[in-house]
Amino acid sequence: MLRTEDGVRIDAAHTPPLRSGGHGHDMGLGIVVAHGFTGSWRERSARRIVHVLSGYGGVIAFDFRGHGRSGGETTVGDLEILDVEAAVRHARVIGYSKIAVVGFSMGAAVAVRHAGLRGGVDAVAAVSGPARWYYRGTKPMRQVHWAIERPFGRWAARVAKRTRIMRGQWDPIPMPPHEAAALISPTPLLIVHGDADTFFPLEHAHQLYGGAREPKELWIEPGYGHAESAATPDLIRRIGKWISSNFS
């Protein structure tokens, strides 16, 4: 159980690397995995991702505030940067000398915002992430906004998905991911997006990439849908290799 700067208890798990590097003095690479909205590190798709990434480094997986067994309420991408900060800090305390953050969907937006606004990480991979807020151009995103903005929607999310959503509006509105992306350099940024994403079309990936400075990479994945549930082991292995290549 981790605790954030603003006092929220965060449910987390540490998976040591499958093969420990021969560093001796440190534990090498730690990878923080940030799930999507209504997700959890305990879900099968997330556990599968953690398992694959543990071939490249130790993994800290956690539930965002308002999700699963973590405390508090989700602010859908705003204060969640404090949750990532708590996981990154924990990875350093355990002894990892290099930290990469891999985020999916909402977790991608948070990973980008955390790296831009807080820093202190060595690589960032944003998978299936939005570039800007309030996007309603697809049916799944209209449903997400309904869940966030309507009392019945919030009740449904709590009952069906164990996700507790804050009431009211953001004030002030947080910096959007495409603006935060400009602040990440010189930390390497990888943007991964599927051309079959039903939540956020490819223009989000292009806007994120356009906002970022070098070093940056953009992977458009043919046939890939959205976030954790659609991610193949092969894609996660490629992300693991990309992270490793930045530290070799």
C-alpha atoms as a PDB file:
ATOM      1  CA  MET A   1       0.000   0.000   0.000  1.00  0.00           C
ATOM      2  CA  LEU A   2       1.485   3.339  -1.068  1.00  0.00           C
ATOM      3  CA  ARG A   3       0.485   6.813   0.103  1.00  0.00           C
ATOM      4  CA  THR A   4       0.341   9.869  -2.148  1.00  0.00           C
ATOM      5  CA  GLU A   5       1.465  13.396  -1.260  1.00  0.00           C
ATOM      6  CA  ASP A   6      -2.179  14.343  -0.694  1.00  0.00           C
ATOM      7  CA  GLY A   7      -2.741  11.361   1.607  1.00  0.00           C
ATOM      8  CA  VAL A   8      -4.563   8.850  -0.618  1.00  0.00           C
ATOM      9  CA  ARG A   9      -3.845   5.159  -0.054  1.00  0.00           C
ATOM     10  CA  ILE A  10      -2.854   3.410  -3.294  1.00  0.00           C
ATOM     11  CA  ASP A  11      -3.086  -0.368  -3.753  1.00  0.00           C
ATOM     12  CA  ALA A  12       0.085  -1.577  -5.498  1.00  0.00           C
ATOM     13  CA  ALA A  13       2.128  -4.696  -6.234  1.00  0.00           C
ATOM     14  CA  HIS A  14       5.818  -5.205  -7.012  1.00  0.00           C
ATOM     15  CA  THR A  15       6.873  -7.924  -9.471  1.00  0.00           C
ATOM     16  CA  PRO A  16      10.655  -8.447  -9.414  1.00  0.00           C
ATOM     17  CA  PRO A  17      12.454  -8.835 -12.745  1.00  0.00           C
ATOM     18  CA  LEU A  18      12.352 -12.358 -14.203  1.00  0.00           C
ATOM     19  CA  ARG A  19      16.105 -12.288 -14.641  1.00  0.00           C
ATOM     20  CA  SER A  20      18.072  -9.920 -12.479  1.00  0.00           C
ATOM     21  CA  GLY A  21      20.739  -8.010 -14.338  1.00  0.00           C
ATOM     22  CA  GLY A  22      24.305  -8.440 -13.164  1.00  0.00           C
ATOM     23  CA  HIS A  23      24.485  -4.900 -11.813  1.00  0.00           C
ATOM     24  CA  GLY A  24      25.109  -5.872  -8.215  1.00  0.00           C
ATOM     25  CA  HIS A  25      24.961  -2.336  -6.842  1.00  0.00           C
ATOM     26  CA  ASP A  26      21.443  -1.552  -8.072  1.00  0.00           C
ATOM     27  CA  MET A  27      18.328  -3.316  -9.334  1.00  0.00           C
ATOM     28  CA  GLY A  28      18.514  -1.682 -12.756  1.00  0.00           C
ATOM     29  CA  LEU A  29      15.260  -0.891 -14.514  1.00  0.00           C
ATOM     30  CA  GLY A  30      11.918  -0.405 -12.757  1.00  0.00           C
ATOM     31  CA  ILE A  31       8.743  -0.123 -14.863  1.00  0.00           C
ATOM     32  CA  VAL A  32       5.631   1.572 -13.462  1.00  0.00           C
ATOM     33  CA  VAL A  33       2.396   0.459 -15.170  1.00  0.00           C
ATOM     34  CA  ALA A  34      -0.595   2.847 -15.152  1.00  0.00           C
ATOM     35  CA  HIS A  35      -3.981   1.362 -16.106  1.00  0.00           C
ATOM     36  CA  GLY A  36      -6.920   2.899 -17.964  1.00  0.00           C
ATOM     37  CA  PHE A  37     -10.150   4.398 -16.590  1.00  0.00           C
ATOM     38  CA  THR A  38     -12.203   1.794 -14.635  1.00  0.00           C
ATOM     39  CA  GLY A  39      -9.234  -0.612 -14.853  1.00  0.00           C
ATOM     40  CA  SER A  40      -7.135  -2.298 -12.155  1.00  0.00           C
ATOM     41  CA  TRP A  41      -3.727  -3.949 -11.867  1.00  0.00           C
ATOM     42  CA  ARG A  42      -5.612  -7.049 -10.662  1.00  0.00           C
ATOM     43  CA  GLU A  43      -7.412  -7.547 -13.992  1.00  0.00           C
ATOM     44  CA  ARG A  44      -6.187 -10.421 -16.134  1.00  0.00           C
ATOM     45  CA  SER A  45      -5.198  -8.192 -19.071  1.00  0.00           C
ATOM     46  CA  ALA A  46      -3.105  -5.994 -16.753  1.00  0.00           C
ATOM     47  CA  ARG A  47      -1.465  -9.000 -15.062  1.00  0.00           C
ATOM     48  CA  ARG A  48      -0.519 -10.368 -18.490  1.00  0.00           C
ATOM     49  CA  ILE A  49       1.166  -7.058 -19.362  1.00  0.00           C
ATOM     50  CA  VAL A  50       3.052  -7.027 -16.039  1.00  0.00           C
ATOM     51  CA  HIS A  51       4.253 -10.584 -16.672  1.00  0.00           C
ATOM     52  CA  VAL A  52       5.656  -9.707 -20.105  1.00  0.00           C
ATOM     53  CA  LEU A  53       7.294  -6.470 -18.900  1.00  0.00           C
ATOM     54  CA  SER A  54       8.946  -8.299 -15.985  1.00  0.00           C
ATOM     55  CA  GLY A  55      11.192  -9.860 -18.631  1.00  0.00           C
ATOM     56  CA  TYR A  56      12.743  -6.392 -19.032  1.00  0.00           C
ATOM     57  CA  GLY A  57      12.761  -5.049 -15.465  1.00  0.00           C
ATOM     58  CA  GLY A  58      10.971  -5.027 -12.149  1.00  0.00           C
ATOM     59  CA  VAL A  59       7.351  -3.842 -12.362  1.00  0.00           C
ATOM     60  CA  ILE A  60       5.289  -1.693 -10.004  1.00  0.00           C
ATOM     61  CA  ALA A  61       1.596  -1.967 -10.886  1.00  0.00           C
ATOM     62  CA  PHE A  62      -1.007  -0.011  -8.941  1.00  0.00           C
ATOM     63  CA  ASP A  63      -4.652   1.055  -8.896  1.00  0.00           C
ATOM     64  CA  PHE A  64      -5.343   4.741  -9.429  1.00  0.00           C
ATOM     65  CA  ARG A  65      -7.285   6.599  -6.729  1.00  0.00           C
ATOM     66  CA  GLY A  66     -10.970   5.736  -6.804  1.00  0.00           C
ATOM     67  CA  HIS A  67     -10.231   2.396  -8.503  1.00  0.00           C
ATOM     68  CA  GLY A  68     -10.323  -1.098  -6.995  1.00  0.00           C
ATOM     69  CA  ARG A  69      -8.796  -1.252  -3.516  1.00  0.00           C
ATOM     70  CA  SER A  70      -7.207   2.203  -3.619  1.00  0.00           C
ATOM     71  CA  GLY A  71      -8.746   5.008  -1.579  1.00  0.00           C
ATOM     72  CA  GLY A  72     -10.171   8.327  -2.698  1.00  0.00           C
ATOM     73  CA  GLU A  73     -12.070   9.200  -5.855  1.00  0.00           C
ATOM     74  CA  THR A  74     -10.842   9.379  -9.432  1.00  0.00           C
ATOM     75  CA  THR A  75     -10.339  12.842 -10.895  1.00  0.00           C
ATOM     76  CA  VAL A  76     -10.066  11.202 -14.350  1.00  0.00           C
ATOM     77  CA  GLY A  77      -6.507  12.281 -15.133  1.00  0.00           C
ATOM     78  CA  ASP A  78      -5.807  15.322 -12.938  1.00  0.00           C
ATOM     79  CA  LEU A  79      -4.583  14.420  -9.414  1.00  0.00           C
ATOM     80  CA  GLU A  80      -3.661  10.962 -10.698  1.00  0.00           C
ATOM     81  CA  ILE A  81      -0.173  12.328 -11.408  1.00  0.00           C
ATOM     82  CA  LEU A  82       0.315  12.098  -7.606  1.00  0.00           C
ATOM     83  CA  ASP A  83      -0.510   8.366  -7.795  1.00  0.00           C
ATOM     84  CA  VAL A  84       2.171   7.836 -10.461  1.00  0.00           C
ATOM     85  CA  GLU A  85       4.569   9.935  -8.363  1.00  0.00           C
ATOM     86  CA  ALA A  86       3.975   7.639  -5.360  1.00  0.00           C
ATOM     87  CA  ALA A  87       4.700   4.548  -7.507  1.00  0.00           C
ATOM     88  CA  VAL A  88       7.851   6.113  -9.018  1.00  0.00           C
ATOM     89  CA  ARG A  89       9.079   7.125  -5.566  1.00  0.00           C
ATOM     90  CA  HIS A  90       8.453   3.589  -4.284  1.00  0.00           C
ATOM     91  CA  ALA A  91      10.409   2.108  -7.211  1.00  0.00           C
ATOM     92  CA  ARG A  92      13.376   4.319  -6.314  1.00  0.00           C
ATOM     93  CA  VAL A  93      13.135   3.392  -2.614  1.00  0.00           C
ATOM     94  CA  ILE A  94      13.197  -0.317  -3.508  1.00  0.00           C
ATOM     95  CA  GLY A  95      16.449   0.324  -5.379  1.00  0.00           C
ATOM     96  CA  TYR A  96      15.675   0.742  -9.080  1.00  0.00           C
ATOM     97  CA  SER A  97      18.105   3.218 -10.634  1.00  0.00           C
ATOM     98  CA  LYS A  98      16.162   3.801 -13.876  1.00  0.00           C
ATOM     99  CA  ILE A  99      12.389   4.251 -13.983  1.00  0.00           C
ATOM    100  CA  ALA A 100      10.102   3.992 -17.002  1.00  0.00           C
ATOM    101  CA  VAL A 101       6.349   4.638 -16.891  1.00  0.00           C
ATOM    102  CA  VAL A 102       3.995   2.784 -19.256  1.00  0.00           C
ATOM    103  CA  GLY A 103       0.433   4.116 -19.301  1.00  0.00           C
ATOM    104  CA  PHE A 104      -2.712   2.938 -21.075  1.00  0.00           C
ATOM    105  CA  SER A 105      -5.599   5.243 -22.088  1.00  0.00           C
ATOM    106  CA  MET A 106      -6.263   7.456 -19.028  1.00  0.00           C
ATOM    107  CA  GLY A 107      -3.013   6.069 -17.606  1.00  0.00           C
ATOM    108  CA  ALA A 108      -1.246   7.240 -20.792  1.00  0.00           C
ATOM    109  CA  ALA A 109      -2.583  10.777 -20.310  1.00  0.00           C
ATOM    110  CA  VAL A 110      -1.443  10.674 -16.675  1.00  0.00           C
ATOM    111  CA  ALA A 111       2.003   9.264 -17.578  1.00  0.00           C
ATOM    112  CA  VAL A 112       2.546  12.088 -20.088  1.00  0.00           C
ATOM    113  CA  ARG A 113       1.323  14.750 -17.664  1.00  0.00           C
ATOM    114  CA  HIS A 114       3.428  13.310 -14.813  1.00  0.00           C
ATOM    115  CA  ALA A 115       6.591  13.247 -16.929  1.00  0.00           C
ATOM    116  CA  GLY A 116       5.967  16.771 -18.205  1.00  0.00           C
ATOM    117  CA  LEU A 117       4.933  18.395 -14.932  1.00  0.00           C
ATOM    118  CA  ARG A 118       6.820  16.391 -12.290  1.00  0.00           C
ATOM    119  CA  GLY A 119       9.705  14.770 -14.179  1.00  0.00           C
ATOM    120  CA  GLY A 120      12.020  12.357 -12.392  1.00  0.00           C
ATOM    121  CA  VAL A 121      11.505   9.461 -14.806  1.00  0.00           C
ATOM    122  CA  ASP A 122      13.847   8.086 -17.468  1.00  0.00           C
ATOM    123  CA  ALA A 123      11.411   6.994 -20.205  1.00  0.00           C
ATOM    124  CA  VAL A 124       7.672   7.229 -20.905  1.00  0.00           C
ATOM    125  CA  ALA A 125       5.445   5.043 -23.092  1.00  0.00           C
ATOM    126  CA  ALA A 126       1.901   6.325 -23.712  1.00  0.00           C
ATOM    127  CA  VAL A 127      -0.404   3.667 -25.191  1.00  0.00           C
ATOM    128  CA  SER A 128      -3.882   4.498 -26.576  1.00  0.00           C
ATOM    129  CA  GLY A 129      -3.828   7.897 -24.893  1.00  0.00           C
ATOM    130  CA  PRO A 130      -5.948  10.998 -25.499  1.00  0.00           C
ATOM    131  CA  ALA A 131      -4.230  14.226 -26.585  1.00  0.00           C
ATOM    132  CA  ARG A 132      -6.885  16.549 -25.143  1.00  0.00           C
ATOM    133  CA  TRP A 133      -9.803  16.603 -22.715  1.00  0.00           C
ATOM    134  CA  TYR A 134     -13.574  16.462 -23.279  1.00  0.00           C
ATOM    135  CA  TYR A 135     -13.283  14.416 -26.480  1.00  0.00           C
ATOM    136  CA  ARG A 136     -16.732  13.126 -27.445  1.00  0.00           C
ATOM    137  CA  GLY A 137     -16.177  12.140 -31.064  1.00  0.00           C
ATOM    138  CA  THR A 138     -16.763   8.394 -30.543  1.00  0.00           C
ATOM    139  CA  LYS A 139     -19.609   6.480 -28.949  1.00  0.00           C
ATOM    140  CA  PRO A 140     -17.409   4.874 -26.232  1.00  0.00           C
ATOM    141  CA  MET A 141     -16.172   8.338 -25.197  1.00  0.00           C
ATOM    142  CA  ARG A 142     -19.728   9.701 -25.067  1.00  0.00           C
ATOM    143  CA  GLN A 143     -20.515   6.821 -22.697  1.00  0.00           C
ATOM    144  CA  VAL A 144     -17.448   7.649 -20.559  1.00  0.00           C
ATOM    145  CA  HIS A 145     -18.574  11.276 -20.255  1.00  0.00           C
ATOM    146  CA  TRP A 146     -22.068  10.130 -19.297  1.00  0.00           C
ATOM    147  CA  ALA A 147     -20.555   8.014 -16.483  1.00  0.00           C
ATOM    148  CA  ILE A 148     -18.440  10.932 -15.246  1.00  0.00           C
ATOM    149  CA  GLU A 149     -21.015  13.718 -15.463  1.00  0.00           C
ATOM    150  CA  ARG A 150     -24.332  12.130 -14.427  1.00  0.00           C
ATOM    151  CA  PRO A 151     -25.200  10.930 -10.917  1.00  0.00           C
ATOM    152  CA  PHE A 152     -26.664   7.698 -12.319  1.00  0.00           C
ATOM    153  CA  GLY A 153     -23.556   7.240 -14.473  1.00  0.00           C
ATOM    154  CA  ARG A 154     -21.293   7.617 -11.426  1.00  0.00           C
ATOM    155  CA  TRP A 155     -23.466   5.141  -9.503  1.00  0.00           C
ATOM    156  CA  ALA A 156     -23.253   2.646 -12.386  1.00  0.00           C
ATOM    157  CA  ALA A 157     -19.452   2.977 -12.550  1.00  0.00           C
ATOM    158  CA  ARG A 158     -19.203   2.357  -8.798  1.00  0.00           C
ATOM    159  CA  VAL A 159     -21.434  -0.713  -8.860  1.00  0.00           C
ATOM    160  CA  ALA A 160     -20.300  -2.290 -12.146  1.00  0.00           C
ATOM    161  CA  LYS A 161     -16.631  -1.281 -12.244  1.00  0.00           C
ATOM    162  CA  ARG A 162     -15.670  -0.502  -8.618  1.00  0.00           C
ATOM    163  CA  THR A 163     -14.732   2.974  -9.817  1.00  0.00           C
ATOM    164  CA  ARG A 164     -15.566   5.956  -7.599  1.00  0.00           C
ATOM    165  CA  ILE A 165     -15.730   9.204  -9.573  1.00  0.00           C
ATOM    166  CA  MET A 166     -15.489  12.677  -8.044  1.00  0.00           C
ATOM    167  CA  ARG A 167     -18.470  14.997  -8.381  1.00  0.00           C
ATOM    168  CA  GLY A 168     -18.300  18.404  -9.995  1.00  0.00           C
ATOM    169  CA  GLN A 169     -16.067  19.982 -12.603  1.00  0.00           C
ATOM    170  CA  TRP A 170     -12.317  20.347 -12.809  1.00  0.00           C
ATOM    171  CA  ASP A 171     -11.244  23.718 -11.430  1.00  0.00           C
ATOM    172  CA  PRO A 172      -8.864  24.728 -12.819  1.00  0.00           C
ATOM    173  CA  ILE A 173      -8.826  22.557 -15.947  1.00  0.00           C
ATOM    174  CA  PRO A 174      -5.566  20.520 -15.909  1.00  0.00           C
ATOM    175  CA  MET A 175      -2.954  20.966 -18.621  1.00  0.00           C
ATOM    176  CA  PRO A 176      -3.937  18.664 -21.510  1.00  0.00           C
ATOM    177  CA  PRO A 177      -1.575  15.825 -22.482  1.00  0.00           C
ATOM    178  CA  HIS A 178      -0.488  17.359 -25.825  1.00  0.00           C
ATOM    179  CA  GLU A 179       0.774  20.463 -23.975  1.00  0.00           C
ATOM    180  CA  ALA A 180       2.431  18.432 -21.200  1.00  0.00           C
ATOM    181  CA  ALA A 181       4.161  16.336 -23.908  1.00  0.00           C
ATOM    182  CA  ALA A 182       6.198  19.411 -24.893  1.00  0.00           C
ATOM    183  CA  LEU A 183       7.762  19.458 -21.404  1.00  0.00           C
ATOM    184  CA  ILE A 184       9.002  15.833 -21.326  1.00  0.00           C
ATOM    185  CA  SER A 185      12.202  16.277 -23.399  1.00  0.00           C
ATOM    186  CA  PRO A 186      15.027  15.247 -22.973  1.00  0.00           C
ATOM    187  CA  THR A 187      13.313  12.169 -21.474  1.00  0.00           C
ATOM    188  CA  PRO A 188      12.447   9.777 -24.360  1.00  0.00           C
ATOM    189  CA  LEU A 189       8.730   9.468 -25.177  1.00  0.00           C
ATOM    190  CA  LEU A 190       7.068   6.610 -27.067  1.00  0.00           C
ATOM    191  CA  ILE A 191       3.510   7.072 -28.334  1.00  0.00           C
ATOM    192  CA  VAL A 192       1.683   3.871 -29.350  1.00  0.00           C
ATOM    193  CA  HIS A 193      -1.775   3.936 -30.935  1.00  0.00           C
ATOM    194  CA  GLY A 194      -3.913   1.463 -32.835  1.00  0.00           C
ATOM    195  CA  ASP A 195      -5.606   2.334 -36.112  1.00  0.00           C
ATOM    196  CA  ALA A 196      -8.636   0.361 -34.853  1.00  0.00           C
ATOM    197  CA  ASP A 197      -8.972   2.314 -31.567  1.00  0.00           C
ATOM    198  CA  THR A 198     -12.701   2.842 -30.938  1.00  0.00           C
ATOM    199  CA  PHE A 199     -12.166   5.444 -28.168  1.00  0.00           C
ATOM    200  CA  PHE A 200      -9.550   7.842 -29.565  1.00  0.00           C
ATOM    201  CA  PRO A 201      -8.860   8.057 -33.325  1.00  0.00           C
ATOM    202  CA  LEU A 202      -5.301   8.384 -34.630  1.00  0.00           C
ATOM    203  CA  GLU A 203      -5.438  12.186 -34.646  1.00  0.00           C
ATOM    204  CA  HIS A 204      -4.892  12.020 -30.865  1.00  0.00           C
ATOM    205  CA  ALA A 205      -1.604  10.162 -31.341  1.00  0.00           C
ATOM    206  CA  HIS A 206      -0.527  12.640 -34.026  1.00  0.00           C
ATOM    207  CA  GLN A 207      -1.439  15.599 -31.796  1.00  0.00           C
ATOM    208  CA  LEU A 208       0.554  14.128 -28.872  1.00  0.00           C
ATOM    209  CA  TYR A 209       3.516  13.412 -31.132  1.00  0.00           C
ATOM    210  CA  GLY A 210       3.296  16.888 -32.688  1.00  0.00           C
ATOM    211  CA  GLY A 211       3.280  18.484 -29.237  1.00  0.00           C
ATOM    212  CA  ALA A 212       6.322  16.534 -28.032  1.00  0.00           C
ATOM    213  CA  ARG A 213       9.975  17.384 -28.648  1.00  0.00           C
ATOM    214  CA  GLU A 214      12.786  14.961 -29.490  1.00  0.00           C
ATOM    215  CA  PRO A 215      13.590  12.281 -28.482  1.00  0.00           C
ATOM    216  CA  LYS A 216      10.190  10.886 -29.455  1.00  0.00           C
ATOM    217  CA  GLU A 217       8.759   7.954 -31.392  1.00  0.00           C
ATOM    218  CA  LEU A 218       5.314   7.233 -32.803  1.00  0.00           C
ATOM    219  CA  TRP A 219       4.115   3.688 -33.504  1.00  0.00           C
ATOM    220  CA  ILE A 220       0.842   3.319 -35.383  1.00  0.00           C
ATOM    221  CA  GLU A 221      -0.244  -0.297 -34.867  1.00  0.00           C
ATOM    222  CA  PRO A 222      -2.390  -1.857 -37.626  1.00  0.00           C
ATOM    223  CA  GLY A 223      -5.506  -3.581 -36.304  1.00  0.00           C
ATOM    224  CA  TYR A 224      -4.807  -2.691 -32.671  1.00  0.00           C
ATOM    225  CA  GLY A 225      -7.867  -1.619 -30.698  1.00  0.00           C
ATOM    226  CA  HIS A 226      -7.753   0.129 -27.342  1.00  0.00           C
ATOM    227  CA  ALA A 227      -5.480  -0.091 -24.305  1.00  0.00           C
ATOM    228  CA  GLU A 228      -4.761  -3.155 -22.154  1.00  0.00           C
ATOM    229  CA  SER A 229      -7.475  -5.518 -23.332  1.00  0.00           C
ATOM    230  CA  ALA A 230      -6.351  -5.336 -26.982  1.00  0.00           C
ATOM    231  CA  ALA A 231      -2.582  -5.268 -26.377  1.00  0.00           C
ATOM    232  CA  THR A 232      -0.835  -8.405 -27.654  1.00  0.00           C
ATOM    233  CA  PRO A 233       2.152  -9.943 -25.842  1.00  0.00           C
ATOM    234  CA  ASP A 234       4.192  -9.113 -28.961  1.00  0.00           C
ATOM    235  CA  LEU A 235       3.349  -5.405 -28.700  1.00  0.00           C
ATOM    236  CA  ILE A 236       4.195  -5.353 -24.976  1.00  0.00           C
ATOM    237  CA  ARG A 237       7.512  -7.122 -25.701  1.00  0.00           C
ATOM    238  CA  ARG A 238       8.348  -4.451 -28.289  1.00  0.00           C
ATOM    239  CA  ILE A 239       7.571  -1.734 -25.734  1.00  0.00           C
ATOM    240  CA  GLY A 240       9.800  -3.558 -23.215  1.00  0.00           C
ATOM    241  CA  LYS A 241      12.610  -3.677 -25.786  1.00  0.00           C
ATOM    242  CA  TRP A 242      12.155   0.027 -26.568  1.00  0.00           C
ATOM    243  CA  ILE A 243      12.465   0.865 -22.855  1.00  0.00           C
ATOM    244  CA  SER A 244      15.567  -1.356 -22.486  1.00  0.00           C
ATOM    245  CA  SER A 245      17.189   0.153 -25.586  1.00  0.00           C
ATOM    246  CA  ASN A 246      17.134   3.576 -23.923  1.00  0.00           C
ATOM    247  CA  PHE A 247      19.280   2.261 -21.064  1.00  0.00           C
ATOM    248  CA  SER A 248      21.747   0.024 -22.865  1.00  0.00           C
END
